[in-house]
Protein backbone atom coordinates (compact mmCIF):
# COMPACT_ATOMS: atom_id res chain seq x y z
CA MET A 1 40.90 -17.85 -3.31
CA LYS A 2 41.40 -17.31 0.39
CA GLY A 3 39.27 -15.41 2.89
CA ASN A 4 37.58 -12.28 1.56
CA ALA A 5 39.67 -11.96 -1.58
CA PRO A 6 37.65 -10.28 -4.35
CA ASP A 7 36.07 -12.42 -7.04
CA TRP A 8 37.51 -11.12 -10.31
CA ASN A 9 36.14 -13.90 -12.56
CA GLY A 10 33.75 -12.57 -15.18
CA THR A 11 32.15 -9.21 -15.88
CA LEU A 12 30.87 -6.92 -13.15
CA GLU A 13 27.33 -8.05 -13.96
CA GLN A 14 28.29 -11.73 -13.68
CA ARG A 15 30.09 -11.15 -10.38
CA PHE A 16 27.11 -9.11 -9.12
CA ASN A 17 24.59 -11.83 -10.02
CA ARG A 18 26.60 -14.47 -8.13
CA LYS A 19 26.21 -12.46 -4.91
CA ILE A 20 22.43 -12.11 -4.72
CA SER A 21 19.79 -14.35 -3.20
CA ARG A 22 16.26 -13.70 -4.41
CA ASP A 23 13.53 -13.79 -1.76
CA GLU A 24 10.35 -14.79 -3.60
CA GLU A 25 8.10 -13.68 -0.74
CA THR A 26 9.38 -10.10 -0.40
CA GLY A 27 10.82 -9.60 -3.86
CA CYS A 28 14.09 -8.53 -2.25
CA TRP A 29 17.41 -9.42 -3.80
CA ILE A 30 19.53 -9.90 -0.68
CA TRP A 31 23.22 -9.14 -1.09
CA THR A 32 25.27 -12.13 0.09
CA GLY A 33 28.69 -10.64 -0.62
CA SER A 34 30.76 -8.22 1.40
CA LYS A 35 28.85 -5.59 3.40
CA THR A 36 29.64 -2.34 5.17
CA TRP A 37 29.31 -2.12 8.96
CA ASP A 38 25.75 -0.81 8.53
CA GLY A 39 24.57 -3.57 6.17
CA TYR A 40 24.97 -2.06 2.68
CA GLY A 41 26.31 -4.49 0.10
CA ARG A 42 29.58 -3.62 -1.60
CA ILE A 43 31.41 -4.91 -4.62
CA GLN A 44 34.65 -3.99 -6.28
CA ARG A 45 34.72 -2.23 -9.64
CA SER A 46 38.09 -1.30 -11.07
CA ARG A 47 39.69 -2.16 -7.71
CA GLU A 48 37.41 0.31 -5.88
CA ASN A 49 34.66 -0.67 -3.40
CA ILE A 50 31.24 0.64 -4.43
CA TYR A 51 27.74 0.05 -3.11
CA ALA A 52 26.07 -3.01 -4.63
CA HIS A 53 22.66 -1.28 -4.84
CA ARG A 54 24.26 1.41 -7.02
CA VAL A 55 25.63 -1.27 -9.36
CA SER A 56 22.19 -2.88 -9.50
CA TRP A 57 20.54 0.43 -10.39
CA GLU A 58 23.13 1.23 -13.05
CA LEU A 59 22.85 -2.22 -14.63
CA ALA A 60 19.06 -1.80 -14.88
CA ASN A 61 18.69 1.94 -15.51
CA GLY A 62 22.01 3.51 -16.45
CA PRO A 63 24.07 6.07 -14.53
CA ILE A 64 22.81 7.75 -11.39
CA PRO A 65 22.53 11.49 -12.08
CA GLN A 66 25.01 13.70 -10.24
CA GLY A 67 23.66 14.93 -6.91
CA MET A 68 21.17 12.09 -6.63
CA MET A 69 21.22 9.03 -4.44
CA LEU A 70 19.16 5.87 -4.16
CA ASP A 71 16.35 5.39 -1.67
CA HIS A 72 15.38 1.87 -0.52
CA TYR A 73 11.73 2.90 -0.52
CA VAL A 74 9.89 -0.37 -1.19
CA CYS A 75 11.36 -2.56 1.54
CA GLY A 76 13.65 -0.32 3.55
CA ASN A 77 16.19 -3.16 3.62
CA VAL A 78 19.66 -1.72 2.91
CA SER A 79 20.91 -5.23 2.00
CA CYS A 80 18.34 -5.42 -0.81
CA VAL A 81 19.73 -4.68 -4.28
CA ASN A 82 16.56 -5.20 -6.35
CA PRO A 83 16.44 -2.17 -8.67
CA ASP A 84 12.61 -2.27 -8.48
CA HIS A 85 12.92 -1.54 -4.74
CA LEU A 86 15.05 1.56 -5.32
CA ARG A 87 14.25 5.07 -6.51
CA LEU A 88 16.26 8.18 -7.22
CA ALA A 89 16.19 10.78 -4.46
CA THR A 90 17.92 13.97 -3.50
CA PRO A 91 19.81 13.74 -0.20
CA GLN A 92 16.98 15.72 1.45
CA GLN A 93 14.30 13.39 0.08
CA ASN A 94 16.29 10.38 1.25
CA CYS A 95 16.37 11.86 4.78
CA HIS A 96 12.60 12.38 4.70
CA ASN A 97 12.17 8.66 4.12
CA CYS A 98 14.43 7.65 7.02
CA SER A 99 12.93 5.27 9.52
CA LEU A 100 12.51 5.78 13.25
CA PRO A 101 15.82 6.80 14.85
CA LYS A 102 17.25 4.27 17.31
CA HIS A 103 17.48 6.93 20.05
CA ASN A 104 13.75 7.74 19.80
CA THR A 105 11.96 6.95 23.07
CA SER A 106 8.33 7.70 22.12
CA GLY A 107 8.10 4.92 19.54
CA PHE A 108 6.90 7.40 16.89
CA LYS A 109 8.87 9.46 14.39
CA GLY A 110 8.75 13.20 15.08
CA VAL A 111 7.19 12.79 18.56
CA TYR A 112 9.06 13.66 21.77
CA TRP A 113 8.22 14.16 25.43
CA ASP A 114 8.63 17.80 26.47
CA LYS A 115 9.60 17.65 30.15
CA GLU A 116 9.12 21.40 30.73
CA ALA A 117 5.58 21.47 29.32
CA GLY A 118 4.65 17.97 30.52
CA LYS A 119 3.22 17.22 27.07
CA TRP A 120 4.05 15.39 23.87
CA LYS A 121 5.76 17.56 21.27
CA ALA A 122 5.54 16.98 17.52
CA GLN A 123 8.05 18.45 15.10
CA ILE A 124 9.24 17.85 11.57
CA THR A 125 12.30 18.91 9.61
CA PHE A 126 11.95 20.49 6.18
CA ASN A 127 14.60 22.40 4.22
CA LYS A 128 17.01 21.88 7.14
CA LYS A 129 14.67 23.71 9.52
CA LYS A 130 12.73 22.23 12.42
CA ILE A 131 9.04 23.07 12.37
CA ASN A 132 7.20 22.88 15.70
CA LEU A 133 3.81 21.23 15.19
CA GLY A 134 2.57 21.79 18.72
CA ARG A 135 2.36 20.18 22.14
CA PHE A 136 -0.32 17.61 22.92
CA GLU A 137 -1.80 15.85 25.93
CA ALA A 138 -2.08 12.52 24.08
CA ILE A 139 0.73 10.84 22.16
CA ASP A 140 -1.74 9.83 19.40
CA GLU A 141 -2.56 13.50 18.77
CA ALA A 142 1.15 14.32 18.42
CA ARG A 143 1.65 11.40 16.05
CA LEU A 144 -1.31 12.48 13.92
CA ALA A 145 0.13 16.01 13.70
CA TYR A 146 3.47 14.58 12.55
CA CYS A 147 1.85 12.29 9.95
CA GLU A 148 -0.22 15.14 8.47
CA ALA A 149 2.87 17.36 8.30
CA ALA A 150 4.93 14.56 6.72
CA LYS A 151 2.33 14.23 3.95
CA LYS A 152 2.41 17.99 3.39
CA TYR A 153 6.17 18.59 3.56
CA HIS A 154 7.65 15.25 2.44
CA GLY A 155 5.06 14.08 -0.10
CA ASN A 156 5.92 10.72 -1.66
CA PHE A 157 9.00 10.50 0.58
CA ALA A 158 7.00 10.72 3.83
CA ASN A 159 7.84 8.01 6.34
CA PHE A 160 5.48 7.70 9.30
CA GLY A 161 7.87 5.31 11.08
CA SER A 162 6.90 3.74 14.34
CA ARG A 163 8.07 0.68 16.21
CA ASN A 164 4.70 -0.93 15.52
CA GLU A 165 4.89 -0.71 11.71
């Protein structure tokens, strides 16, 4: 086979297993095959590209229910396909567990500098609505307000993301 030609030898499970590297330290199963631009593994099934973590889940647990997606909640590594590192989530729950956005300048999820007030602002999104948690003199106070709200509104899907974690 040349270049990136698909590997059609064997069953989907056999082809899948040839493309993972197990990291004993983290427990991650790192996808070594083809990946999307943002790092998700992909494999071909019936001549269609699908996410490798979805194949992993289905091999271990059966079909993913309609309207649900998979959350990489244990390690946060989108190249990991270990089914024990995945959980079912609604799209909203999956968003709750997102990490710190790259454009964030405070270093803390849900914390922003409010130029007009000259204070740190904390806010959280729930049910597609932004909830203002207040303005604070100290960044640590704003972060604490976000973390408390994340526990309340996001429950087990809360992500307190910061650049230091």
